[in-house]
Amino acid sequence: MFTRNNDIRSQIWEAISGLNEEQLNLRPTPERWSMMQVLRHLNLMERIIVKQARAALEKEQTVSVDKKPYELTLDRSHSVNAPSHLQPPAEPEALTNVRHDLEASHQALMHVAQDHDAELLRSKSFPHPVFGEMDLAQWIDFASYHEERHLAQIQDIKQRLGVSHT
C-alpha cells in the first residue's frame, strides 16, 4: 500500500539533491514558497494525517465512504491555499532539520499503513477540506498524490530560480 508514497518521496529527494540550503530557501517571488517551505509543508501535512488517522482508529464507529477523486490534486491549474496549520514558517530552515522531520513523519504514516489491515483502514475516516469524508486507505494514497503535486511545484521553483544540481 505504501509503495507509491515511497516512490514519490524518493523523487522529491532526487529533485533537491545537490542544492544548497541557500538555494532551497530562496523564494521565486515574495508570495510563493521556497523549496524548503514546500518540504516543511509536506511534513506538516503528513503529521496531521497521522494524527487524524490515529484518532480515527481509536473510534468505535466504522464507516463506508465512496472513493474520492483525490487524483485531481495533481491538477496544478487549481490552487488551494493551505490552511494556516499547514503553512510553513517564513524564515529559512536547515535541511537537516526538515529532512529529519520529514523522515519521521513518513515513517509514522508508513506505520499507520502497514500496522493495520486494509479492511480496518477502509472502515475509519476523517474529512478532507476539499474532497469530504475519506477513509484512511484513501488518505494514505492521497498523501502520495499531494506529494506528487508538490514535486511538480519544486521542479517549477527550480526552473523559476534557474537552479540545478551543483
N, C-alpha and C. Protein backbone atom coordinates (compact mmCIF):
# COMPACT_ATOMS: atom_id res chain seq x y z
N MET A 1 0.82 -1.20 0.00
CA MET A 1 0.00 0.00 0.00
C MET A 1 0.86 1.26 0.00
N PHE A 2 2.08 1.20 0.49
CA PHE A 2 2.87 2.41 0.68
C PHE A 2 3.92 2.64 -0.42
N THR A 3 3.93 1.78 -1.43
CA THR A 3 4.95 1.85 -2.48
C THR A 3 4.95 3.19 -3.20
N ARG A 4 3.77 3.67 -3.57
CA ARG A 4 3.67 4.95 -4.30
C ARG A 4 4.21 6.09 -3.44
N ASN A 5 3.88 6.07 -2.15
CA ASN A 5 4.36 7.11 -1.24
C ASN A 5 5.89 7.13 -1.22
N ASN A 6 6.50 5.94 -1.13
CA ASN A 6 7.96 5.86 -1.09
C ASN A 6 8.58 6.31 -2.42
N ASP A 7 7.95 5.94 -3.52
CA ASP A 7 8.48 6.32 -4.84
C ASP A 7 8.47 7.83 -5.02
N ILE A 8 7.37 8.47 -4.67
CA ILE A 8 7.28 9.93 -4.82
C ILE A 8 8.27 10.61 -3.89
N ARG A 9 8.40 10.11 -2.66
CA ARG A 9 9.35 10.72 -1.72
C ARG A 9 10.78 10.62 -2.27
N SER A 10 11.11 9.48 -2.85
CA SER A 10 12.45 9.33 -3.45
C SER A 10 12.67 10.34 -4.56
N GLN A 11 11.63 10.57 -5.36
CA GLN A 11 11.73 11.55 -6.45
C GLN A 11 11.93 12.97 -5.90
N ILE A 12 11.31 13.25 -4.77
CA ILE A 12 11.48 14.57 -4.14
C ILE A 12 12.92 14.75 -3.70
N TRP A 13 13.49 13.73 -3.02
CA TRP A 13 14.89 13.84 -2.58
C TRP A 13 15.81 13.97 -3.79
N GLU A 14 15.51 13.25 -4.86
CA GLU A 14 16.32 13.35 -6.07
C GLU A 14 16.23 14.76 -6.66
N ALA A 15 15.04 15.34 -6.65
CA ALA A 15 14.83 16.67 -7.24
C ALA A 15 15.64 17.75 -6.53
N ILE A 16 15.87 17.58 -5.24
CA ILE A 16 16.60 18.62 -4.50
C ILE A 16 18.05 18.26 -4.23
N SER A 17 18.46 17.05 -4.63
CA SER A 17 19.84 16.65 -4.33
C SER A 17 20.82 17.59 -5.02
N GLY A 18 21.88 17.91 -4.33
CA GLY A 18 22.89 18.78 -4.88
C GLY A 18 22.61 20.27 -4.72
N LEU A 19 21.42 20.61 -4.23
CA LEU A 19 21.10 22.02 -4.00
C LEU A 19 21.54 22.39 -2.58
N ASN A 20 22.05 23.60 -2.42
CA ASN A 20 22.47 24.02 -1.09
C ASN A 20 21.31 24.69 -0.35
N GLU A 21 21.50 24.94 0.93
CA GLU A 21 20.42 25.50 1.74
C GLU A 21 19.98 26.87 1.27
N GLU A 22 20.93 27.65 0.79
CA GLU A 22 20.56 28.98 0.28
C GLU A 22 19.60 28.84 -0.89
N GLN A 23 19.92 27.93 -1.81
CA GLN A 23 19.03 27.70 -2.96
C GLN A 23 17.68 27.16 -2.50
N LEU A 24 17.69 26.22 -1.56
CA LEU A 24 16.45 25.61 -1.08
C LEU A 24 15.56 26.60 -0.35
N ASN A 25 16.15 27.62 0.25
CA ASN A 25 15.38 28.61 0.99
C ASN A 25 15.01 29.84 0.16
N LEU A 26 15.45 29.89 -1.10
CA LEU A 26 15.11 31.02 -1.98
C LEU A 26 13.65 30.94 -2.40
N ARG A 27 12.97 32.06 -2.38
CA ARG A 27 11.58 32.12 -2.84
C ARG A 27 11.58 32.72 -4.24
N PRO A 28 10.86 32.10 -5.19
CA PRO A 28 10.84 32.64 -6.55
C PRO A 28 10.21 34.04 -6.61
N THR A 29 9.22 34.28 -5.76
CA THR A 29 8.63 35.61 -5.58
C THR A 29 8.25 35.70 -4.11
N PRO A 30 8.07 36.91 -3.59
CA PRO A 30 7.77 37.04 -2.15
C PRO A 30 6.52 36.27 -1.69
N GLU A 31 5.54 36.10 -2.59
CA GLU A 31 4.31 35.42 -2.17
C GLU A 31 4.34 33.91 -2.43
N ARG A 32 5.39 33.41 -3.04
CA ARG A 32 5.49 31.96 -3.31
C ARG A 32 6.45 31.30 -2.32
N TRP A 33 6.21 30.02 -2.07
CA TRP A 33 7.05 29.26 -1.16
C TRP A 33 8.40 28.93 -1.78
N SER A 34 9.38 28.77 -0.91
CA SER A 34 10.67 28.21 -1.31
C SER A 34 10.54 26.69 -1.36
N MET A 35 11.55 26.01 -1.91
CA MET A 35 11.53 24.55 -1.91
C MET A 35 11.53 24.02 -0.48
N MET A 36 12.28 24.69 0.42
CA MET A 36 12.34 24.26 1.81
C MET A 36 10.96 24.40 2.46
N GLN A 37 10.25 25.46 2.14
CA GLN A 37 8.90 25.63 2.69
C GLN A 37 7.96 24.55 2.17
N VAL A 38 8.13 24.15 0.91
CA VAL A 38 7.31 23.06 0.36
C VAL A 38 7.60 21.78 1.15
N LEU A 39 8.88 21.52 1.41
CA LEU A 39 9.25 20.33 2.18
C LEU A 39 8.63 20.37 3.58
N ARG A 40 8.69 21.53 4.23
CA ARG A 40 8.11 21.66 5.57
C ARG A 40 6.59 21.45 5.51
N HIS A 41 5.95 21.99 4.47
CA HIS A 41 4.51 21.79 4.29
C HIS A 41 4.19 20.29 4.18
N LEU A 42 5.00 19.55 3.43
CA LEU A 42 4.77 18.11 3.29
C LEU A 42 4.88 17.42 4.65
N ASN A 43 5.84 17.85 5.45
CA ASN A 43 5.99 17.31 6.80
C ASN A 43 4.76 17.61 7.66
N LEU A 44 4.31 18.86 7.62
CA LEU A 44 3.13 19.25 8.41
C LEU A 44 1.91 18.45 7.97
N MET A 45 1.77 18.25 6.67
CA MET A 45 0.63 17.50 6.14
C MET A 45 0.68 16.04 6.59
N GLU A 46 1.84 15.43 6.48
CA GLU A 46 1.95 14.03 6.91
C GLU A 46 1.66 13.90 8.40
N ARG A 47 2.17 14.83 9.19
CA ARG A 47 1.92 14.78 10.64
C ARG A 47 0.44 14.87 10.96
N ILE A 48 -0.28 15.75 10.27
CA ILE A 48 -1.71 15.90 10.57
C ILE A 48 -2.49 14.67 10.10
N ILE A 49 -2.09 14.08 8.97
CA ILE A 49 -2.76 12.85 8.51
C ILE A 49 -2.55 11.75 9.55
N VAL A 50 -1.33 11.60 10.04
CA VAL A 50 -1.04 10.56 11.04
C VAL A 50 -1.85 10.82 12.31
N LYS A 51 -1.86 12.06 12.77
CA LYS A 51 -2.60 12.40 13.99
C LYS A 51 -4.09 12.09 13.84
N GLN A 52 -4.67 12.52 12.73
CA GLN A 52 -6.10 12.29 12.48
C GLN A 52 -6.38 10.80 12.29
N ALA A 53 -5.47 10.10 11.61
CA ALA A 53 -5.67 8.66 11.38
C ALA A 53 -5.66 7.90 12.70
N ARG A 54 -4.71 8.25 13.56
CA ARG A 54 -4.64 7.57 14.87
C ARG A 54 -5.91 7.83 15.67
N ALA A 55 -6.41 9.06 15.63
CA ALA A 55 -7.65 9.38 16.34
C ALA A 55 -8.82 8.59 15.75
N ALA A 56 -8.88 8.49 14.43
CA ALA A 56 -9.97 7.75 13.77
C ALA A 56 -9.90 6.27 14.12
N LEU A 57 -8.69 5.72 14.22
CA LEU A 57 -8.54 4.30 14.56
C LEU A 57 -9.02 3.99 15.97
N GLU A 58 -9.00 4.98 16.85
CA GLU A 58 -9.45 4.76 18.22
C GLU A 58 -10.96 4.81 18.37
N LYS A 59 -11.65 5.35 17.38
CA LYS A 59 -13.11 5.46 17.47
C LYS A 59 -13.76 4.10 17.23
N GLU A 60 -14.88 3.91 17.92
CA GLU A 60 -15.61 2.64 17.79
C GLU A 60 -16.30 2.51 16.44
N GLN A 61 -16.86 3.62 15.96
CA GLN A 61 -17.68 3.54 14.77
C GLN A 61 -16.87 3.15 13.54
N THR A 62 -17.57 2.46 12.64
CA THR A 62 -16.97 2.14 11.35
C THR A 62 -17.79 2.84 10.28
N VAL A 63 -17.16 3.10 9.17
CA VAL A 63 -17.81 3.84 8.10
C VAL A 63 -17.59 3.15 6.76
N SER A 64 -18.35 3.58 5.82
CA SER A 64 -18.13 3.16 4.43
C SER A 64 -18.27 4.42 3.60
N VAL A 65 -17.17 4.85 2.99
CA VAL A 65 -17.21 6.08 2.19
C VAL A 65 -16.85 5.76 0.75
N ASP A 66 -17.44 6.54 -0.15
CA ASP A 66 -17.15 6.36 -1.57
C ASP A 66 -15.72 6.80 -1.86
N LYS A 67 -15.17 6.25 -2.93
CA LYS A 67 -13.84 6.65 -3.39
C LYS A 67 -13.93 8.09 -3.86
N LYS A 68 -13.02 8.90 -3.37
CA LYS A 68 -12.99 10.32 -3.74
C LYS A 68 -11.99 10.54 -4.88
N PRO A 69 -12.22 11.57 -5.70
CA PRO A 69 -11.35 11.82 -6.86
C PRO A 69 -10.11 12.64 -6.49
N TYR A 70 -9.38 12.19 -5.45
CA TYR A 70 -8.24 12.97 -4.97
C TYR A 70 -7.08 13.01 -5.96
N GLU A 71 -7.15 12.19 -7.01
CA GLU A 71 -6.13 12.28 -8.07
C GLU A 71 -6.15 13.66 -8.72
N LEU A 72 -7.29 14.37 -8.58
CA LEU A 72 -7.40 15.74 -9.10
C LEU A 72 -6.39 16.68 -8.45
N THR A 73 -5.83 16.25 -7.32
CA THR A 73 -4.81 17.02 -6.63
C THR A 73 -3.64 17.34 -7.57
N LEU A 74 -3.40 16.47 -8.54
CA LEU A 74 -2.27 16.67 -9.46
C LEU A 74 -2.50 17.83 -10.42
N ASP A 75 -3.75 18.28 -10.56
CA ASP A 75 -4.05 19.39 -11.46
C ASP A 75 -3.64 20.70 -10.80
N ARG A 76 -2.47 21.21 -11.18
CA ARG A 76 -1.96 22.41 -10.54
C ARG A 76 -2.57 23.70 -11.11
N SER A 77 -3.50 23.56 -12.06
CA SER A 77 -4.19 24.76 -12.56
C SER A 77 -5.20 25.25 -11.53
N HIS A 78 -5.55 24.39 -10.58
CA HIS A 78 -6.44 24.77 -9.48
C HIS A 78 -5.59 24.86 -8.22
N SER A 79 -5.44 26.07 -7.69
CA SER A 79 -4.63 26.17 -6.48
C SER A 79 -5.54 26.29 -5.28
N VAL A 80 -5.11 25.67 -4.21
CA VAL A 80 -5.83 25.70 -2.95
C VAL A 80 -4.84 26.22 -1.91
N ASN A 81 -5.22 27.26 -1.21
CA ASN A 81 -4.33 27.77 -0.17
C ASN A 81 -4.34 26.81 1.01
N ALA A 82 -3.15 26.47 1.48
CA ALA A 82 -3.05 25.57 2.62
C ALA A 82 -3.63 26.26 3.85
N PRO A 83 -4.38 25.50 4.67
CA PRO A 83 -4.88 26.10 5.91
C PRO A 83 -3.71 26.55 6.78
N SER A 84 -3.97 27.46 7.70
CA SER A 84 -2.89 28.06 8.49
C SER A 84 -2.03 27.03 9.21
N HIS A 85 -2.62 25.93 9.71
CA HIS A 85 -1.84 24.94 10.44
C HIS A 85 -0.93 24.11 9.52
N LEU A 86 -1.09 24.27 8.22
CA LEU A 86 -0.22 23.57 7.26
C LEU A 86 0.71 24.54 6.52
N GLN A 87 0.71 25.79 6.95
CA GLN A 87 1.59 26.81 6.36
C GLN A 87 2.99 26.67 6.96
N PRO A 88 4.02 26.63 6.11
CA PRO A 88 5.38 26.55 6.65
C PRO A 88 5.82 27.90 7.21
N PRO A 89 6.81 27.89 8.11
CA PRO A 89 7.31 29.16 8.62
C PRO A 89 7.96 29.98 7.51
N ALA A 90 7.97 31.29 7.68
CA ALA A 90 8.53 32.19 6.67
C ALA A 90 10.06 32.20 6.71
N GLU A 91 10.63 31.98 7.89
CA GLU A 91 12.09 32.08 7.99
C GLU A 91 12.77 30.84 7.43
N PRO A 92 14.02 31.02 6.92
CA PRO A 92 14.77 29.89 6.36
C PRO A 92 14.97 28.79 7.40
N GLU A 93 15.05 27.56 6.91
CA GLU A 93 15.29 26.41 7.79
C GLU A 93 16.48 25.62 7.29
N ALA A 94 17.04 24.82 8.19
CA ALA A 94 18.17 23.95 7.84
C ALA A 94 17.62 22.65 7.24
N LEU A 95 18.25 22.21 6.17
CA LEU A 95 17.80 20.98 5.50
C LEU A 95 17.87 19.78 6.44
N THR A 96 18.90 19.71 7.27
CA THR A 96 18.99 18.55 8.17
C THR A 96 17.78 18.45 9.08
N ASN A 97 17.29 19.58 9.58
CA ASN A 97 16.10 19.58 10.45
C ASN A 97 14.86 19.16 9.67
N VAL A 98 14.66 19.75 8.51
CA VAL A 98 13.47 19.45 7.72
C VAL A 98 13.50 18.00 7.24
N ARG A 99 14.67 17.56 6.80
CA ARG A 99 14.79 16.18 6.33
C ARG A 99 14.50 15.20 7.48
N HIS A 100 15.05 15.46 8.66
CA HIS A 100 14.81 14.61 9.82
C HIS A 100 13.31 14.53 10.12
N ASP A 101 12.65 15.69 10.14
CA ASP A 101 11.21 15.72 10.44
C ASP A 101 10.40 15.02 9.36
N LEU A 102 10.81 15.18 8.11
CA LEU A 102 10.10 14.51 7.01
C LEU A 102 10.27 13.00 7.09
N GLU A 103 11.48 12.56 7.42
CA GLU A 103 11.70 11.12 7.56
C GLU A 103 10.83 10.56 8.69
N ALA A 104 10.74 11.30 9.79
CA ALA A 104 9.95 10.85 10.94
C ALA A 104 8.45 10.79 10.60
N SER A 105 7.95 11.82 9.93
CA SER A 105 6.52 11.82 9.59
C SER A 105 6.21 10.75 8.55
N HIS A 106 7.15 10.51 7.64
CA HIS A 106 6.95 9.47 6.62
C HIS A 106 6.92 8.09 7.27
N GLN A 107 7.83 7.86 8.22
CA GLN A 107 7.84 6.59 8.96
C GLN A 107 6.53 6.40 9.73
N ALA A 108 6.05 7.47 10.35
CA ALA A 108 4.81 7.38 11.12
C ALA A 108 3.63 7.03 10.21
N LEU A 109 3.57 7.66 9.04
CA LEU A 109 2.49 7.36 8.09
C LEU A 109 2.63 5.92 7.58
N MET A 110 3.85 5.50 7.32
CA MET A 110 4.07 4.13 6.86
C MET A 110 3.58 3.14 7.92
N HIS A 111 3.80 3.44 9.19
CA HIS A 111 3.34 2.54 10.25
C HIS A 111 1.81 2.48 10.29
N VAL A 112 1.15 3.61 10.09
CA VAL A 112 -0.32 3.58 10.03
C VAL A 112 -0.74 2.66 8.89
N ALA A 113 -0.07 2.79 7.74
CA ALA A 113 -0.43 1.99 6.56
C ALA A 113 -0.15 0.51 6.77
N GLN A 114 0.99 0.20 7.37
CA GLN A 114 1.42 -1.20 7.42
C GLN A 114 1.04 -1.94 8.69
N ASP A 115 0.71 -1.21 9.75
CA ASP A 115 0.37 -1.87 11.02
C ASP A 115 -1.11 -2.20 11.15
N HIS A 116 -1.90 -1.83 10.15
CA HIS A 116 -3.35 -2.08 10.20
C HIS A 116 -3.77 -2.70 8.87
N ASP A 117 -4.69 -3.67 8.95
CA ASP A 117 -5.08 -4.29 7.69
C ASP A 117 -5.97 -3.35 6.87
N ALA A 118 -5.97 -3.59 5.58
CA ALA A 118 -6.66 -2.71 4.63
C ALA A 118 -8.13 -2.54 4.98
N GLU A 119 -8.76 -3.62 5.45
CA GLU A 119 -10.18 -3.56 5.80
C GLU A 119 -10.42 -2.56 6.93
N LEU A 120 -9.56 -2.58 7.93
CA LEU A 120 -9.68 -1.63 9.04
C LEU A 120 -9.45 -0.20 8.53
N LEU A 121 -8.44 0.00 7.71
CA LEU A 121 -8.15 1.34 7.18
C LEU A 121 -9.32 1.87 6.35
N ARG A 122 -10.02 0.96 5.68
CA ARG A 122 -11.17 1.39 4.87
C ARG A 122 -12.41 1.65 5.73
N SER A 123 -12.38 1.21 6.99
CA SER A 123 -13.57 1.37 7.86
C SER A 123 -13.48 2.59 8.78
N LYS A 124 -12.38 3.32 8.71
CA LYS A 124 -12.20 4.51 9.56
C LYS A 124 -11.93 5.71 8.65
N SER A 125 -12.42 6.88 9.08
CA SER A 125 -12.29 8.03 8.18
C SER A 125 -12.18 9.33 8.96
N PHE A 126 -11.80 10.37 8.23
CA PHE A 126 -11.91 11.75 8.69
C PHE A 126 -12.02 12.63 7.45
N PRO A 127 -12.59 13.83 7.60
CA PRO A 127 -12.88 14.65 6.42
C PRO A 127 -11.67 15.38 5.84
N HIS A 128 -11.68 15.47 4.52
CA HIS A 128 -10.71 16.29 3.78
C HIS A 128 -11.43 17.61 3.46
N PRO A 129 -10.74 18.76 3.55
CA PRO A 129 -11.43 20.04 3.33
C PRO A 129 -11.99 20.23 1.92
N VAL A 130 -11.45 19.52 0.93
CA VAL A 130 -11.95 19.66 -0.44
C VAL A 130 -12.79 18.45 -0.86
N PHE A 131 -12.32 17.25 -0.55
CA PHE A 131 -12.96 16.02 -1.04
C PHE A 131 -13.98 15.42 -0.09
N GLY A 132 -14.09 15.96 1.12
CA GLY A 132 -15.05 15.41 2.07
C GLY A 132 -14.50 14.19 2.78
N GLU A 133 -15.40 13.39 3.31
CA GLU A 133 -15.02 12.23 4.13
C GLU A 133 -14.20 11.23 3.30
N MET A 134 -13.00 10.91 3.77
CA MET A 134 -12.14 9.92 3.11
C MET A 134 -11.71 8.89 4.14
N ASP A 135 -11.71 7.62 3.73
CA ASP A 135 -11.23 6.60 4.66
C ASP A 135 -9.70 6.64 4.72
N LEU A 136 -9.14 5.95 5.71
CA LEU A 136 -7.70 6.05 5.95
C LEU A 136 -6.88 5.49 4.79
N ALA A 137 -7.37 4.47 4.11
CA ALA A 137 -6.65 3.96 2.94
C ALA A 137 -6.58 5.05 1.87
N GLN A 138 -7.67 5.78 1.69
CA GLN A 138 -7.66 6.88 0.72
C GLN A 138 -6.70 7.98 1.18
N TRP A 139 -6.68 8.29 2.46
CA TRP A 139 -5.78 9.33 2.98
C TRP A 139 -4.33 8.98 2.72
N ILE A 140 -3.98 7.71 2.94
CA ILE A 140 -2.60 7.27 2.73
C ILE A 140 -2.24 7.41 1.26
N ASP A 141 -3.14 7.01 0.38
CA ASP A 141 -2.91 7.14 -1.06
C ASP A 141 -2.89 8.63 -1.45
N PHE A 142 -3.84 9.39 -0.91
CA PHE A 142 -3.89 10.83 -1.18
C PHE A 142 -2.55 11.50 -0.86
N ALA A 143 -1.91 11.09 0.24
CA ALA A 143 -0.64 11.69 0.64
C ALA A 143 0.38 11.61 -0.49
N SER A 144 0.38 10.50 -1.24
CA SER A 144 1.33 10.37 -2.35
C SER A 144 0.97 11.32 -3.49
N TYR A 145 -0.31 11.53 -3.75
CA TYR A 145 -0.72 12.48 -4.80
C TYR A 145 -0.42 13.91 -4.37
N HIS A 146 -0.63 14.20 -3.10
CA HIS A 146 -0.32 15.52 -2.57
C HIS A 146 1.18 15.80 -2.74
N GLU A 147 2.03 14.80 -2.43
CA GLU A 147 3.46 14.98 -2.59
C GLU A 147 3.85 15.09 -4.05
N GLU A 148 3.17 14.34 -4.92
CA GLU A 148 3.49 14.43 -6.35
C GLU A 148 3.16 15.83 -6.88
N ARG A 149 2.07 16.40 -6.40
CA ARG A 149 1.73 17.77 -6.78
C ARG A 149 2.85 18.72 -6.37
N HIS A 150 3.34 18.55 -5.16
CA HIS A 150 4.39 19.44 -4.67
C HIS A 150 5.75 19.13 -5.27
N LEU A 151 5.97 17.91 -5.73
CA LEU A 151 7.18 17.60 -6.50
C LEU A 151 7.20 18.46 -7.76
N ALA A 152 6.05 18.55 -8.44
CA ALA A 152 5.95 19.41 -9.63
C ALA A 152 6.21 20.87 -9.25
N GLN A 153 5.73 21.27 -8.07
CA GLN A 153 5.95 22.64 -7.60
C GLN A 153 7.45 22.87 -7.36
N ILE A 154 8.13 21.91 -6.76
CA ILE A 154 9.57 22.02 -6.52
C ILE A 154 10.31 22.16 -7.86
N GLN A 155 9.92 21.35 -8.83
CA GLN A 155 10.57 21.44 -10.14
C GLN A 155 10.30 22.80 -10.79
N ASP A 156 9.11 23.32 -10.59
CA ASP A 156 8.75 24.64 -11.11
C ASP A 156 9.60 25.72 -10.42
N ILE A 157 9.76 25.63 -9.12
CA ILE A 157 10.57 26.61 -8.37
C ILE A 157 12.02 26.56 -8.87
N LYS A 158 12.56 25.35 -9.04
CA LYS A 158 13.93 25.22 -9.54
C LYS A 158 14.07 25.92 -10.89
N GLN A 159 13.10 25.71 -11.76
CA GLN A 159 13.14 26.32 -13.08
C GLN A 159 13.05 27.86 -12.97
N ARG A 160 12.14 28.34 -12.15
CA ARG A 160 11.98 29.79 -11.99
C ARG A 160 13.24 30.45 -11.43
N LEU A 161 13.91 29.75 -10.52
CA LEU A 161 15.12 30.28 -9.90
C LEU A 161 16.36 30.04 -10.75
N GLY A 162 16.24 29.16 -11.73
CA GLY A 162 17.40 28.83 -12.56
C GLY A 162 18.47 28.05 -11.81
N VAL A 163 18.02 27.25 -10.83
CA VAL A 163 18.99 26.44 -10.07
C VAL A 163 18.92 24.99 -10.52
N SER A 164 20.05 24.34 -10.42
CA SER A 164 20.09 22.92 -10.74
C SER A 164 21.11 22.27 -9.83
N HIS A 165 21.28 20.97 -10.00
CA HIS A 165 22.24 20.24 -9.16
C HIS A 165 23.60 20.88 -9.29
N THR A 166 24.31 20.98 -8.18
CA THR A 166 25.66 21.57 -8.21
C THR A 166 26.70 20.49 -8.32
